[in-house]
Amino acid sequence: MAKKRASSSKGSETIRSCANIRSKKHPDVRCTYPAAHGEFCARHHKNPTRFQEKSSLEHVKSQTQILAIQAIQRWWRLYVGFLRFSKQGPATNTPTVSENQTDIYTLESIHAIPLIYRWSYPDSKRHIWLFDVRSLSMTRAQDSRELLLNPYTREPILEKHESHFQHRCTWLRARKYCIVHSQDVELSTEQLWHQQILDVTMKYDMLGYHTCIHWFEELNTRQLMAFYIELWELWFYRLHLNSEIKHQVIPNWNSRTTPLFKWSPGELLYRVERRWWQKVLLDILDRFVSSAVLKEHRVLGALYGMTGFAVVSQTVREQYHWLVEIQETM
């Protein structure tokens, strides 16, 4: 039980909490489960009752004020609809115009996709498609192709639409929305772990390096150890980086509290726990693409991370063969 609570607490750091009341018996308490279905958890998303903080001030509204509030609400509904159209695509408000009427992953009607997760685009023939962001992001993370493909037609999605989709994923994760499917009230440890990997792979995608979840997960302990050593040697010696460049890519990389490399390779010879190595490396890879202020320095960080990745992964070498040439010139 204690372990389950600890897992739930850790998950709440990366996933927002359900916006529903706890129960009809406890309407004054907010639900604490993770919101795996947009604003609500698996228990409450079908029949939600949004939790509202009670105000200590009671104010009786006049008829004029009520009419003014209703006018503002009508305007706001129109404005929100326009925002969804511009940020989530043409079929978000009207799913009936979409070519597909079922979700590629759940096979449920696209009308059941929560508004917050809807994303649509017109293809080269001006056919409109509507997807659940969670389904498309999971499909993307498991596809080794560099281009994002329409899962129904296998036609490449234009770069401008792919960029639009990536920005939507980033927007959702910045607000702690879960972008993996879950039918359970509690997100499992494995689902939370996949969410963390997805967060990092999306950042590399945004910087021009498409990576798949399984590329990282298929590495065994020995390969993970070699990956750490390679990144360590690249950072300290082989790339010949001066102090200025290092601090541009990762400010305060050598601080005492949060150093980029907490241990030298020699100190880790007896660490054999595979998941421990995965977590350490994922943190380093994330800092390469998350720390810099300027995008050009985050692109450099992505290059450093992928260069080390290519040394230990045959799949990465095949996808980015030019990274091998960089290694040979060092």
C-alpha atoms as a PDB file:
ATOM      1  CA  MET A   1       0.000   0.000   0.000  1.00  0.00           C
ATOM      2  CA  ALA A   2       2.805   2.387   0.927  1.00  0.00           C
ATOM      3  CA  LYS A   3       4.550   1.652  -2.349  1.00  0.00           C
ATOM      4  CA  LYS A   4       1.345   2.386  -4.312  1.00  0.00           C
ATOM      5  CA  ARG A   5       0.898   5.719  -2.541  1.00  0.00           C
ATOM      6  CA  ALA A   6       4.497   6.668  -3.240  1.00  0.00           C
ATOM      7  CA  SER A   7       4.009   5.846  -6.923  1.00  0.00           C
ATOM      8  CA  SER A   8       0.828   7.935  -7.030  1.00  0.00           C
ATOM      9  CA  SER A   9       2.588  10.859  -5.359  1.00  0.00           C
ATOM     10  CA  LYS A  10       5.445  10.687  -7.829  1.00  0.00           C
ATOM     11  CA  GLY A  11       3.010  10.504 -10.756  1.00  0.00           C
ATOM     12  CA  SER A  12       1.241  13.651  -9.597  1.00  0.00           C
ATOM     13  CA  GLU A  13       4.443  15.580 -10.184  1.00  0.00           C
ATOM     14  CA  THR A  14       4.226  14.949 -13.932  1.00  0.00           C
ATOM     15  CA  ILE A  15       0.470  14.376 -14.435  1.00  0.00           C
ATOM     16  CA  ARG A  16      -2.244  16.825 -13.350  1.00  0.00           C
ATOM     17  CA  SER A  17      -4.863  15.721 -10.816  1.00  0.00           C
ATOM     18  CA  CYS A  18      -8.487  14.958 -11.708  1.00  0.00           C
ATOM     19  CA  ALA A  19     -10.732  18.047 -11.712  1.00  0.00           C
ATOM     20  CA  ASN A  20     -13.739  16.121 -10.385  1.00  0.00           C
ATOM     21  CA  ILE A  21     -15.218  16.032  -6.892  1.00  0.00           C
ATOM     22  CA  ARG A  22     -14.046  13.031  -4.890  1.00  0.00           C
ATOM     23  CA  SER A  23     -17.566  11.552  -4.656  1.00  0.00           C
ATOM     24  CA  LYS A  24     -21.184  12.529  -4.064  1.00  0.00           C
ATOM     25  CA  LYS A  25     -20.598  11.928  -0.367  1.00  0.00           C
ATOM     26  CA  HIS A  26     -17.592  14.227  -0.436  1.00  0.00           C
ATOM     27  CA  PRO A  27     -18.407  17.045  -2.906  1.00  0.00           C
ATOM     28  CA  ASP A  28     -16.199  19.453  -0.956  1.00  0.00           C
ATOM     29  CA  VAL A  29     -13.041  17.400  -1.632  1.00  0.00           C
ATOM     30  CA  ARG A  30     -11.221  17.184  -4.967  1.00  0.00           C
ATOM     31  CA  CYS A  31     -10.348  13.805  -6.486  1.00  0.00           C
ATOM     32  CA  THR A  32      -6.639  12.966  -6.112  1.00  0.00           C
ATOM     33  CA  TYR A  33      -6.297  10.435  -8.956  1.00  0.00           C
ATOM     34  CA  PRO A  34      -4.238  11.410 -12.050  1.00  0.00           C
ATOM     35  CA  ALA A  35      -6.219  12.931 -14.921  1.00  0.00           C
ATOM     36  CA  ALA A  36      -5.540  10.276 -17.563  1.00  0.00           C
ATOM     37  CA  HIS A  37      -8.525  11.443 -19.651  1.00  0.00           C
ATOM     38  CA  GLY A  38      -7.909  15.143 -20.157  1.00  0.00           C
ATOM     39  CA  GLU A  39      -9.303  16.960 -17.127  1.00  0.00           C
ATOM     40  CA  PHE A  40     -10.624  13.827 -15.404  1.00  0.00           C
ATOM     41  CA  CYS A  41      -9.472  10.393 -14.230  1.00  0.00           C
ATOM     42  CA  ALA A  42     -10.685   7.009 -15.520  1.00  0.00           C
ATOM     43  CA  ARG A  43     -13.283   6.833 -12.756  1.00  0.00           C
ATOM     44  CA  HIS A  44     -14.939  10.208 -13.423  1.00  0.00           C
ATOM     45  CA  HIS A  45     -14.415  11.104 -17.096  1.00  0.00           C
ATOM     46  CA  LYS A  46     -17.726   9.638 -18.337  1.00  0.00           C
ATOM     47  CA  ASN A  47     -19.974  11.477 -15.868  1.00  0.00           C
ATOM     48  CA  PRO A  48     -17.905  14.357 -14.495  1.00  0.00           C
ATOM     49  CA  THR A  49     -18.876  16.808 -11.776  1.00  0.00           C
ATOM     50  CA  ARG A  50     -16.203  19.472 -11.665  1.00  0.00           C
ATOM     51  CA  PHE A  51     -14.863  20.374  -8.241  1.00  0.00           C
ATOM     52  CA  GLN A  52     -15.251  24.034  -7.288  1.00  0.00           C
ATOM     53  CA  GLU A  53     -13.697  25.830  -4.376  1.00  0.00           C
ATOM     54  CA  LYS A  54     -16.313  27.362  -2.114  1.00  0.00           C
ATOM     55  CA  SER A  55     -16.174  31.120  -1.906  1.00  0.00           C
ATOM     56  CA  SER A  56     -16.489  32.750   1.474  1.00  0.00           C
ATOM     57  CA  LEU A  57     -18.217  35.744  -0.131  1.00  0.00           C
ATOM     58  CA  GLU A  58     -21.824  35.475  -1.219  1.00  0.00           C
ATOM     59  CA  HIS A  59     -22.972  38.049  -3.736  1.00  0.00           C
ATOM     60  CA  VAL A  60     -26.529  38.457  -5.009  1.00  0.00           C
ATOM     61  CA  LYS A  61     -26.463  39.360  -8.697  1.00  0.00           C
ATOM     62  CA  SER A  62     -28.919  41.755 -10.278  1.00  0.00           C
ATOM     63  CA  GLN A  63     -30.778  40.961 -13.503  1.00  0.00           C
ATOM     64  CA  THR A  64     -28.477  43.324 -15.417  1.00  0.00           C
ATOM     65  CA  GLN A  65     -25.402  41.543 -14.098  1.00  0.00           C
ATOM     66  CA  ILE A  66     -26.865  38.146 -14.981  1.00  0.00           C
ATOM     67  CA  LEU A  67     -27.533  39.262 -18.566  1.00  0.00           C
ATOM     68  CA  ALA A  68     -24.013  40.687 -18.816  1.00  0.00           C
ATOM     69  CA  ILE A  69     -22.523  37.407 -17.552  1.00  0.00           C
ATOM     70  CA  GLN A  70     -24.573  35.399 -20.062  1.00  0.00           C
ATOM     71  CA  ALA A  71     -23.409  37.672 -22.894  1.00  0.00           C
ATOM     72  CA  ILE A  72     -19.765  37.205 -21.849  1.00  0.00           C
ATOM     73  CA  GLN A  73     -20.257  33.431 -21.665  1.00  0.00           C
ATOM     74  CA  ARG A  74     -21.747  33.357 -25.181  1.00  0.00           C
ATOM     75  CA  TRP A  75     -18.834  35.413 -26.520  1.00  0.00           C
ATOM     76  CA  TRP A  76     -16.345  33.209 -24.702  1.00  0.00           C
ATOM     77  CA  ARG A  77     -17.814  30.004 -26.163  1.00  0.00           C
ATOM     78  CA  LEU A  78     -17.462  31.455 -29.665  1.00  0.00           C
ATOM     79  CA  TYR A  79     -13.912  32.607 -28.973  1.00  0.00           C
ATOM     80  CA  VAL A  80     -12.860  29.234 -27.515  1.00  0.00           C
ATOM     81  CA  GLY A  81     -14.301  27.489 -30.568  1.00  0.00           C
ATOM     82  CA  PHE A  82     -12.215  29.744 -32.811  1.00  0.00           C
ATOM     83  CA  LEU A  83      -9.114  29.022 -30.715  1.00  0.00           C
ATOM     84  CA  ARG A  84      -9.654  25.271 -31.012  1.00  0.00           C
ATOM     85  CA  PHE A  85     -10.030  25.604 -34.778  1.00  0.00           C
ATOM     86  CA  SER A  86      -6.764  27.547 -35.116  1.00  0.00           C
ATOM     87  CA  LYS A  87      -4.705  25.508 -32.624  1.00  0.00           C
ATOM     88  CA  GLN A  88      -6.167  22.009 -32.986  1.00  0.00           C
ATOM     89  CA  GLY A  89      -7.320  21.930 -36.586  1.00  0.00           C
ATOM     90  CA  PRO A  90     -10.489  22.139 -38.711  1.00  0.00           C
ATOM     91  CA  ALA A  91     -12.322  19.032 -37.434  1.00  0.00           C
ATOM     92  CA  THR A  92     -11.865  19.665 -33.723  1.00  0.00           C
ATOM     93  CA  ASN A  93     -15.227  21.378 -33.285  1.00  0.00           C
ATOM     94  CA  THR A  94     -17.017  19.370 -36.005  1.00  0.00           C
ATOM     95  CA  PRO A  95     -15.772  15.737 -36.067  1.00  0.00           C
ATOM     96  CA  THR A  96     -18.345  14.811 -38.735  1.00  0.00           C
ATOM     97  CA  VAL A  97     -16.178  16.448 -41.443  1.00  0.00           C
ATOM     98  CA  SER A  98     -13.319  14.030 -40.718  1.00  0.00           C
ATOM     99  CA  GLU A  99     -12.545  11.218 -43.162  1.00  0.00           C
ATOM    100  CA  ASN A 100     -12.011   8.796 -40.291  1.00  0.00           C
ATOM    101  CA  GLN A 101     -14.776   8.256 -37.755  1.00  0.00           C
ATOM    102  CA  THR A 102     -12.873   5.992 -35.355  1.00  0.00           C
ATOM    103  CA  ASP A 103      -9.682   6.442 -33.381  1.00  0.00           C
ATOM    104  CA  ILE A 104      -6.682   4.484 -34.689  1.00  0.00           C
ATOM    105  CA  TYR A 105      -5.690   3.209 -31.238  1.00  0.00           C
ATOM    106  CA  THR A 106      -8.898   2.712 -29.213  1.00  0.00           C
ATOM    107  CA  LEU A 107     -11.178   2.064 -32.236  1.00  0.00           C
ATOM    108  CA  GLU A 108     -13.815   4.169 -30.488  1.00  0.00           C
ATOM    109  CA  SER A 109     -15.785   6.948 -32.194  1.00  0.00           C
ATOM    110  CA  ILE A 110     -13.811  10.163 -32.655  1.00  0.00           C
ATOM    111  CA  HIS A 111     -16.742  11.963 -31.009  1.00  0.00           C
ATOM    112  CA  ALA A 112     -15.616  10.332 -27.741  1.00  0.00           C
ATOM    113  CA  ILE A 113     -12.161  11.956 -27.890  1.00  0.00           C
ATOM    114  CA  PRO A 114     -11.946  14.644 -25.162  1.00  0.00           C
ATOM    115  CA  LEU A 115     -11.779  18.119 -26.711  1.00  0.00           C
ATOM    116  CA  ILE A 116      -8.407  18.815 -25.133  1.00  0.00           C
ATOM    117  CA  TYR A 117      -6.864  15.836 -26.980  1.00  0.00           C
ATOM    118  CA  ARG A 118      -8.317  16.440 -30.451  1.00  0.00           C
ATOM    119  CA  TRP A 119      -5.975  17.350 -33.303  1.00  0.00           C
ATOM    120  CA  SER A 120      -6.801  17.461 -37.013  1.00  0.00           C
ATOM    121  CA  TYR A 121      -5.249  18.503 -40.299  1.00  0.00           C
ATOM    122  CA  PRO A 122      -6.004  18.581 -44.060  1.00  0.00           C
ATOM    123  CA  ASP A 123      -3.875  16.279 -46.236  1.00  0.00           C
ATOM    124  CA  SER A 124      -2.537  17.013 -49.725  1.00  0.00           C
ATOM    125  CA  LYS A 125      -5.933  16.107 -51.250  1.00  0.00           C
ATOM    126  CA  ARG A 126      -7.700  18.427 -48.782  1.00  0.00           C
ATOM    127  CA  HIS A 127      -9.203  15.503 -46.918  1.00  0.00           C
ATOM    128  CA  ILE A 128      -9.551  16.295 -43.220  1.00  0.00           C
ATOM    129  CA  TRP A 129      -8.426  13.823 -40.546  1.00  0.00           C
ATOM    130  CA  LEU A 130      -9.034  13.879 -36.793  1.00  0.00           C
ATOM    131  CA  PHE A 131      -6.848  12.113 -34.225  1.00  0.00           C
ATOM    132  CA  ASP A 132      -6.490  11.662 -30.514  1.00  0.00           C
ATOM    133  CA  VAL A 133      -3.131  13.250 -29.628  1.00  0.00           C
ATOM    134  CA  ARG A 134      -2.418  10.334 -27.291  1.00  0.00           C
ATOM    135  CA  SER A 135      -2.947   7.772 -30.061  1.00  0.00           C
ATOM    136  CA  LEU A 136      -0.869   9.623 -32.637  1.00  0.00           C
ATOM    137  CA  SER A 137       1.970  10.383 -30.206  1.00  0.00           C
ATOM    138  CA  MET A 138       2.164   6.722 -29.118  1.00  0.00           C
ATOM    139  CA  THR A 139       2.117   5.582 -32.766  1.00  0.00           C
ATOM    140  CA  ARG A 140       4.828   8.137 -33.566  1.00  0.00           C
ATOM    141  CA  ALA A 141       7.013   7.018 -30.673  1.00  0.00           C
ATOM    142  CA  GLN A 142       6.935   3.414 -31.928  1.00  0.00           C
ATOM    143  CA  ASP A 143       7.621   4.209 -35.597  1.00  0.00           C
ATOM    144  CA  SER A 144      11.249   4.368 -36.681  1.00  0.00           C
ATOM    145  CA  ARG A 145      10.486   6.423 -39.797  1.00  0.00           C
ATOM    146  CA  GLU A 146      11.754   9.980 -39.663  1.00  0.00           C
ATOM    147  CA  LEU A 147       8.538  11.346 -41.201  1.00  0.00           C
ATOM    148  CA  LEU A 148       5.219  11.395 -39.358  1.00  0.00           C
ATOM    149  CA  LEU A 149       2.748   9.315 -41.365  1.00  0.00           C
ATOM    150  CA  ASN A 150      -1.035   9.360 -41.492  1.00  0.00           C
ATOM    151  CA  PRO A 151      -1.815   5.932 -39.928  1.00  0.00           C
ATOM    152  CA  TYR A 152      -4.790   5.425 -42.268  1.00  0.00           C
ATOM    153  CA  THR A 153      -3.272   6.376 -45.629  1.00  0.00           C
ATOM    154  CA  ARG A 154       0.471   6.006 -44.767  1.00  0.00           C
ATOM    155  CA  GLU A 155       0.939   9.349 -46.522  1.00  0.00           C
ATOM    156  CA  PRO A 156       3.616  11.583 -44.952  1.00  0.00           C
ATOM    157  CA  ILE A 157       2.149  14.486 -43.004  1.00  0.00           C
ATOM    158  CA  LEU A 158       3.546  17.786 -44.248  1.00  0.00           C
ATOM    159  CA  GLU A 159       6.257  19.366 -42.132  1.00  0.00           C
ATOM    160  CA  LYS A 160       4.110  22.390 -41.209  1.00  0.00           C
ATOM    161  CA  HIS A 161       1.343  20.105 -39.901  1.00  0.00           C
ATOM    162  CA  GLU A 162       3.851  17.876 -38.073  1.00  0.00           C
ATOM    163  CA  SER A 163       5.305  20.953 -36.392  1.00  0.00           C
ATOM    164  CA  HIS A 164       1.756  21.970 -35.434  1.00  0.00           C
ATOM    165  CA  PHE A 165       1.212  18.531 -33.883  1.00  0.00           C
ATOM    166  CA  GLN A 166       4.507  18.651 -31.953  1.00  0.00           C
ATOM    167  CA  HIS A 167       3.620  22.059 -30.537  1.00  0.00           C
ATOM    168  CA  ARG A 168       0.274  20.652 -29.393  1.00  0.00           C
ATOM    169  CA  CYS A 169       2.014  17.790 -27.576  1.00  0.00           C
ATOM    170  CA  THR A 170       4.429  20.233 -25.955  1.00  0.00           C
ATOM    171  CA  TRP A 171       1.553  22.491 -24.879  1.00  0.00           C
ATOM    172  CA  LEU A 172      -0.248  19.551 -23.245  1.00  0.00           C
ATOM    173  CA  ARG A 173       2.800  18.267 -21.401  1.00  0.00           C
ATOM    174  CA  ALA A 174       3.698  21.763 -20.174  1.00  0.00           C
ATOM    175  CA  ARG A 175       0.306  21.720 -18.433  1.00  0.00           C
ATOM    176  CA  LYS A 176       0.806  18.164 -17.107  1.00  0.00           C
ATOM    177  CA  TYR A 177      -1.756  16.491 -19.357  1.00  0.00           C
ATOM    178  CA  CYS A 178      -1.068  12.782 -19.788  1.00  0.00           C
ATOM    179  CA  ILE A 179      -0.422  11.788 -23.420  1.00  0.00           C
ATOM    180  CA  VAL A 180      -0.535   8.011 -22.981  1.00  0.00           C
ATOM    181  CA  HIS A 181      -3.759   5.994 -22.944  1.00  0.00           C
ATOM    182  CA  SER A 182      -4.889   4.485 -19.656  1.00  0.00           C
ATOM    183  CA  GLN A 183      -8.098   2.773 -18.628  1.00  0.00           C
ATOM    184  CA  ASP A 184      -6.995   2.375 -15.019  1.00  0.00           C
ATOM    185  CA  VAL A 185      -7.756   4.838 -12.238  1.00  0.00           C
ATOM    186  CA  GLU A 186      -4.108   4.761 -11.187  1.00  0.00           C
ATOM    187  CA  LEU A 187      -1.397   5.131 -13.818  1.00  0.00           C
ATOM    188  CA  SER A 188       0.977   2.195 -13.508  1.00  0.00           C
ATOM    189  CA  THR A 189       4.680   2.661 -12.883  1.00  0.00           C
ATOM    190  CA  GLU A 190       5.329   1.470 -16.442  1.00  0.00           C
ATOM    191  CA  GLN A 191       2.890   4.013 -17.920  1.00  0.00           C
ATOM    192  CA  LEU A 192       4.508   6.844 -15.970  1.00  0.00           C
ATOM    193  CA  TRP A 193       7.904   5.649 -17.162  1.00  0.00           C
ATOM    194  CA  HIS A 194       6.738   5.618 -20.795  1.00  0.00           C
ATOM    195  CA  GLN A 195       5.391   9.146 -20.295  1.00  0.00           C
ATOM    196  CA  GLN A 196       8.841  10.291 -19.118  1.00  0.00           C
ATOM    197  CA  ILE A 197      10.522   8.728 -22.162  1.00  0.00           C
ATOM    198  CA  LEU A 198       7.891  10.278 -24.456  1.00  0.00           C
ATOM    199  CA  ASP A 199       8.582  13.697 -22.938  1.00  0.00           C
ATOM    200  CA  VAL A 200      12.269  13.423 -23.833  1.00  0.00           C
ATOM    201  CA  THR A 201      11.776  11.907 -27.300  1.00  0.00           C
ATOM    202  CA  MET A 202       9.355  14.719 -28.188  1.00  0.00           C
ATOM    203  CA  LYS A 203      12.031  17.288 -27.330  1.00  0.00           C
ATOM    204  CA  TYR A 204      14.507  15.567 -29.660  1.00  0.00           C
ATOM    205  CA  ASP A 205      11.799  15.405 -32.355  1.00  0.00           C
ATOM    206  CA  MET A 206      11.280  19.166 -32.040  1.00  0.00           C
ATOM    207  CA  LEU A 207      15.011  19.666 -32.618  1.00  0.00           C
ATOM    208  CA  GLY A 208      15.148  17.462 -35.733  1.00  0.00           C
ATOM    209  CA  TYR A 209      16.086  14.054 -34.277  1.00  0.00           C
ATOM    210  CA  HIS A 210      13.237  11.563 -34.384  1.00  0.00           C
ATOM    211  CA  THR A 211      13.722   8.775 -31.866  1.00  0.00           C
ATOM    212  CA  CYS A 212      11.566   5.804 -30.874  1.00  0.00           C
ATOM    213  CA  ILE A 213      10.845   4.616 -27.366  1.00  0.00           C
ATOM    214  CA  HIS A 214      12.038   1.096 -28.115  1.00  0.00           C
ATOM    215  CA  TRP A 215      15.441   2.350 -29.335  1.00  0.00           C
ATOM    216  CA  PHE A 216      16.187   3.350 -25.767  1.00  0.00           C
ATOM    217  CA  GLU A 217      14.309   0.570 -24.004  1.00  0.00           C
ATOM    218  CA  GLU A 218      15.954  -2.233 -25.969  1.00  0.00           C
ATOM    219  CA  LEU A 219      19.441  -1.330 -24.675  1.00  0.00           C
ATOM    220  CA  ASN A 220      20.769  -3.881 -22.206  1.00  0.00           C
ATOM    221  CA  THR A 221      22.723  -3.012 -19.061  1.00  0.00           C
ATOM    222  CA  ARG A 222      26.107  -3.295 -20.753  1.00  0.00           C
ATOM    223  CA  GLN A 223      25.007  -0.987 -23.580  1.00  0.00           C
ATOM    224  CA  LEU A 224      23.595   1.513 -21.079  1.00  0.00           C
ATOM    225  CA  MET A 225      26.906   1.553 -19.211  1.00  0.00           C
ATOM    226  CA  ALA A 226      28.750   2.089 -22.500  1.00  0.00           C
ATOM    227  CA  PHE A 227      26.295   4.896 -23.349  1.00  0.00           C
ATOM    228  CA  TYR A 228      27.096   6.700 -20.096  1.00  0.00           C
ATOM    229  CA  ILE A 229      30.836   6.325 -20.633  1.00  0.00           C
ATOM    230  CA  GLU A 230      30.531   7.598 -24.202  1.00  0.00           C
ATOM    231  CA  LEU A 231      28.584  10.708 -23.153  1.00  0.00           C
ATOM    232  CA  TRP A 232      31.052  11.356 -20.343  1.00  0.00           C
ATOM    233  CA  GLU A 233      34.067  11.112 -22.684  1.00  0.00           C
ATOM    234  CA  LEU A 234      32.387  13.251 -25.356  1.00  0.00           C
ATOM    235  CA  TRP A 235      31.556  15.988 -22.863  1.00  0.00           C
ATOM    236  CA  PHE A 236      34.913  16.112 -21.090  1.00  0.00           C
ATOM    237  CA  TYR A 237      37.425  15.190 -23.803  1.00  0.00           C
ATOM    238  CA  ARG A 238      36.517  14.079 -27.310  1.00  0.00           C
ATOM    239  CA  LEU A 239      34.386  17.062 -28.387  1.00  0.00           C
ATOM    240  CA  HIS A 240      36.999  19.535 -27.094  1.00  0.00           C
ATOM    241  CA  LEU A 241      34.270  21.778 -25.675  1.00  0.00           C
ATOM    242  CA  ASN A 242      35.418  24.914 -23.925  1.00  0.00           C
ATOM    243  CA  SER A 243      33.797  26.157 -20.724  1.00  0.00           C
ATOM    244  CA  GLU A 244      31.709  28.784 -22.534  1.00  0.00           C
ATOM    245  CA  ILE A 245      30.032  26.303 -24.873  1.00  0.00           C
ATOM    246  CA  LYS A 246      29.341  23.876 -22.034  1.00  0.00           C
ATOM    247  CA  HIS A 247      27.586  26.562 -20.009  1.00  0.00           C
ATOM    248  CA  GLN A 248      25.598  27.684 -23.071  1.00  0.00           C
ATOM    249  CA  VAL A 249      24.305  24.146 -23.648  1.00  0.00           C
ATOM    250  CA  ILE A 250      23.762  23.333 -19.964  1.00  0.00           C
ATOM    251  CA  PRO A 251      24.069  26.305 -17.605  1.00  0.00           C
ATOM    252  CA  ASN A 252      25.575  25.308 -14.245  1.00  0.00           C
ATOM    253  CA  TRP A 253      26.355  21.835 -15.571  1.00  0.00           C
ATOM    254  CA  ASN A 254      29.149  21.487 -13.012  1.00  0.00           C
ATOM    255  CA  SER A 255      27.329  22.833  -9.950  1.00  0.00           C
ATOM    256  CA  ARG A 256      27.750  20.883  -6.734  1.00  0.00           C
ATOM    257  CA  THR A 257      24.024  20.308  -6.271  1.00  0.00           C
ATOM    258  CA  THR A 258      23.012  19.313  -9.819  1.00  0.00           C
ATOM    259  CA  PRO A 259      26.064  18.273 -11.855  1.00  0.00           C
ATOM    260  CA  LEU A 260      25.432  16.816 -15.319  1.00  0.00           C
ATOM    261  CA  PHE A 261      27.526  13.758 -14.480  1.00  0.00           C
ATOM    262  CA  LYS A 262      27.243  12.856 -10.819  1.00  0.00           C
ATOM    263  CA  TRP A 263      29.806  10.070 -11.061  1.00  0.00           C
ATOM    264  CA  SER A 264      32.870   9.253 -13.116  1.00  0.00           C
ATOM    265  CA  PRO A 265      32.630   5.951 -15.034  1.00  0.00           C
ATOM    266  CA  GLY A 266      35.076   4.308 -12.640  1.00  0.00           C
ATOM    267  CA  GLU A 267      32.695   4.844  -9.736  1.00  0.00           C
ATOM    268  CA  LEU A 268      29.881   2.921 -11.447  1.00  0.00           C
ATOM    269  CA  LEU A 269      31.564  -0.362 -12.351  1.00  0.00           C
ATOM    270  CA  TYR A 270      29.401  -2.339  -9.946  1.00  0.00           C
ATOM    271  CA  ARG A 271      26.016  -0.801 -10.799  1.00  0.00           C
ATOM    272  CA  VAL A 272      24.056  -3.502 -12.617  1.00  0.00           C
ATOM    273  CA  GLU A 273      20.413  -2.385 -12.178  1.00  0.00           C
ATOM    274  CA  ARG A 274      19.119  -1.748 -15.700  1.00  0.00           C
ATOM    275  CA  ARG A 275      16.313   0.636 -14.699  1.00  0.00           C
ATOM    276  CA  TRP A 276      18.759   2.695 -12.594  1.00  0.00           C
ATOM    277  CA  TRP A 277      20.984   3.170 -15.639  1.00  0.00           C
ATOM    278  CA  GLN A 278      17.970   4.073 -17.785  1.00  0.00           C
ATOM    279  CA  LYS A 279      16.871   6.784 -15.344  1.00  0.00           C
ATOM    280  CA  VAL A 280      20.369   8.271 -15.072  1.00  0.00           C
ATOM    281  CA  LEU A 281      20.804   8.388 -18.850  1.00  0.00           C
ATOM    282  CA  LEU A 282      17.299   9.731 -19.504  1.00  0.00           C
ATOM    283  CA  ASP A 283      18.026  12.592 -17.111  1.00  0.00           C
ATOM    284  CA  ILE A 284      21.281  13.427 -18.944  1.00  0.00           C
ATOM    285  CA  LEU A 285      19.614  13.218 -22.370  1.00  0.00           C
ATOM    286  CA  ASP A 286      16.821  15.452 -21.129  1.00  0.00           C
ATOM    287  CA  ARG A 287      19.212  18.084 -19.794  1.00  0.00           C
ATOM    288  CA  PHE A 288      21.020  18.187 -23.141  1.00  0.00           C
ATOM    289  CA  VAL A 289      17.827  19.465 -24.815  1.00  0.00           C
ATOM    290  CA  SER A 290      16.051  21.281 -21.968  1.00  0.00           C
ATOM    291  CA  SER A 291      18.617  23.485 -20.260  1.00  0.00           C
ATOM    292  CA  ALA A 292      19.789  26.041 -22.829  1.00  0.00           C
ATOM    293  CA  VAL A 293      18.022  29.354 -23.317  1.00  0.00           C
ATOM    294  CA  LEU A 294      18.623  29.519 -27.076  1.00  0.00           C
ATOM    295  CA  LYS A 295      17.335  26.882 -29.495  1.00  0.00           C
ATOM    296  CA  GLU A 296      20.678  26.720 -31.323  1.00  0.00           C
ATOM    297  CA  HIS A 297      22.324  25.538 -28.104  1.00  0.00           C
ATOM    298  CA  ARG A 298      19.584  22.954 -27.484  1.00  0.00           C
ATOM    299  CA  VAL A 299      20.223  21.669 -31.022  1.00  0.00           C
ATOM    300  CA  LEU A 300      23.885  21.271 -30.071  1.00  0.00           C
ATOM    301  CA  GLY A 301      22.869  19.353 -26.965  1.00  0.00           C
ATOM    302  CA  ALA A 302      20.677  17.062 -29.079  1.00  0.00           C
ATOM    303  CA  LEU A 303      23.636  16.422 -31.376  1.00  0.00           C
ATOM    304  CA  TYR A 304      25.834  15.455 -28.418  1.00  0.00           C
ATOM    305  CA  GLY A 305      23.181  13.101 -27.040  1.00  0.00           C
ATOM    306  CA  MET A 306      22.503  11.426 -30.392  1.00  0.00           C
ATOM    307  CA  THR A 307      26.227  11.080 -31.126  1.00  0.00           C
ATOM    308  CA  GLY A 308      26.638   9.036 -27.957  1.00  0.00           C
ATOM    309  CA  PHE A 309      23.445   7.105 -28.728  1.00  0.00           C
ATOM    310  CA  ALA A 310      24.773   6.089 -32.148  1.00  0.00           C
ATOM    311  CA  VAL A 311      27.788   4.400 -30.560  1.00  0.00           C
ATOM    312  CA  VAL A 312      25.681   1.868 -28.632  1.00  0.00           C
ATOM    313  CA  SER A 313      22.626   1.465 -30.903  1.00  0.00           C
ATOM    314  CA  GLN A 314      22.761  -0.143 -34.334  1.00  0.00           C
ATOM    315  CA  THR A 315      19.287   1.222 -35.096  1.00  0.00           C
ATOM    316  CA  VAL A 316      20.380   4.814 -34.426  1.00  0.00           C
ATOM    317  CA  ARG A 317      23.483   4.316 -36.608  1.00  0.00           C
ATOM    318  CA  GLU A 318      21.293   3.102 -39.472  1.00  0.00           C
ATOM    319  CA  GLN A 319      18.874   6.017 -39.046  1.00  0.00           C
ATOM    320  CA  TYR A 320      21.588   8.679 -38.662  1.00  0.00           C
ATOM    321  CA  HIS A 321      24.583   7.216 -40.461  1.00  0.00           C
ATOM    322  CA  TRP A 322      26.320  10.591 -40.584  1.00  0.00           C
ATOM    323  CA  LEU A 323      26.737  10.503 -36.804  1.00  0.00           C
ATOM    324  CA  VAL A 324      29.175   7.630 -37.325  1.00  0.00           C
ATOM    325  CA  GLU A 325      31.223   9.850 -39.629  1.00  0.00           C
ATOM    326  CA  ILE A 326      31.397  12.477 -36.879  1.00  0.00           C
ATOM    327  CA  GLN A 327      32.717   9.839 -34.501  1.00  0.00           C
ATOM    328  CA  GLU A 328      35.419   8.802 -36.968  1.00  0.00           C
ATOM    329  CA  THR A 329      36.728  12.375 -37.256  1.00  0.00           C
ATOM    330  CA  MET A 330      37.271  12.710 -33.483  1.00  0.00           C
END
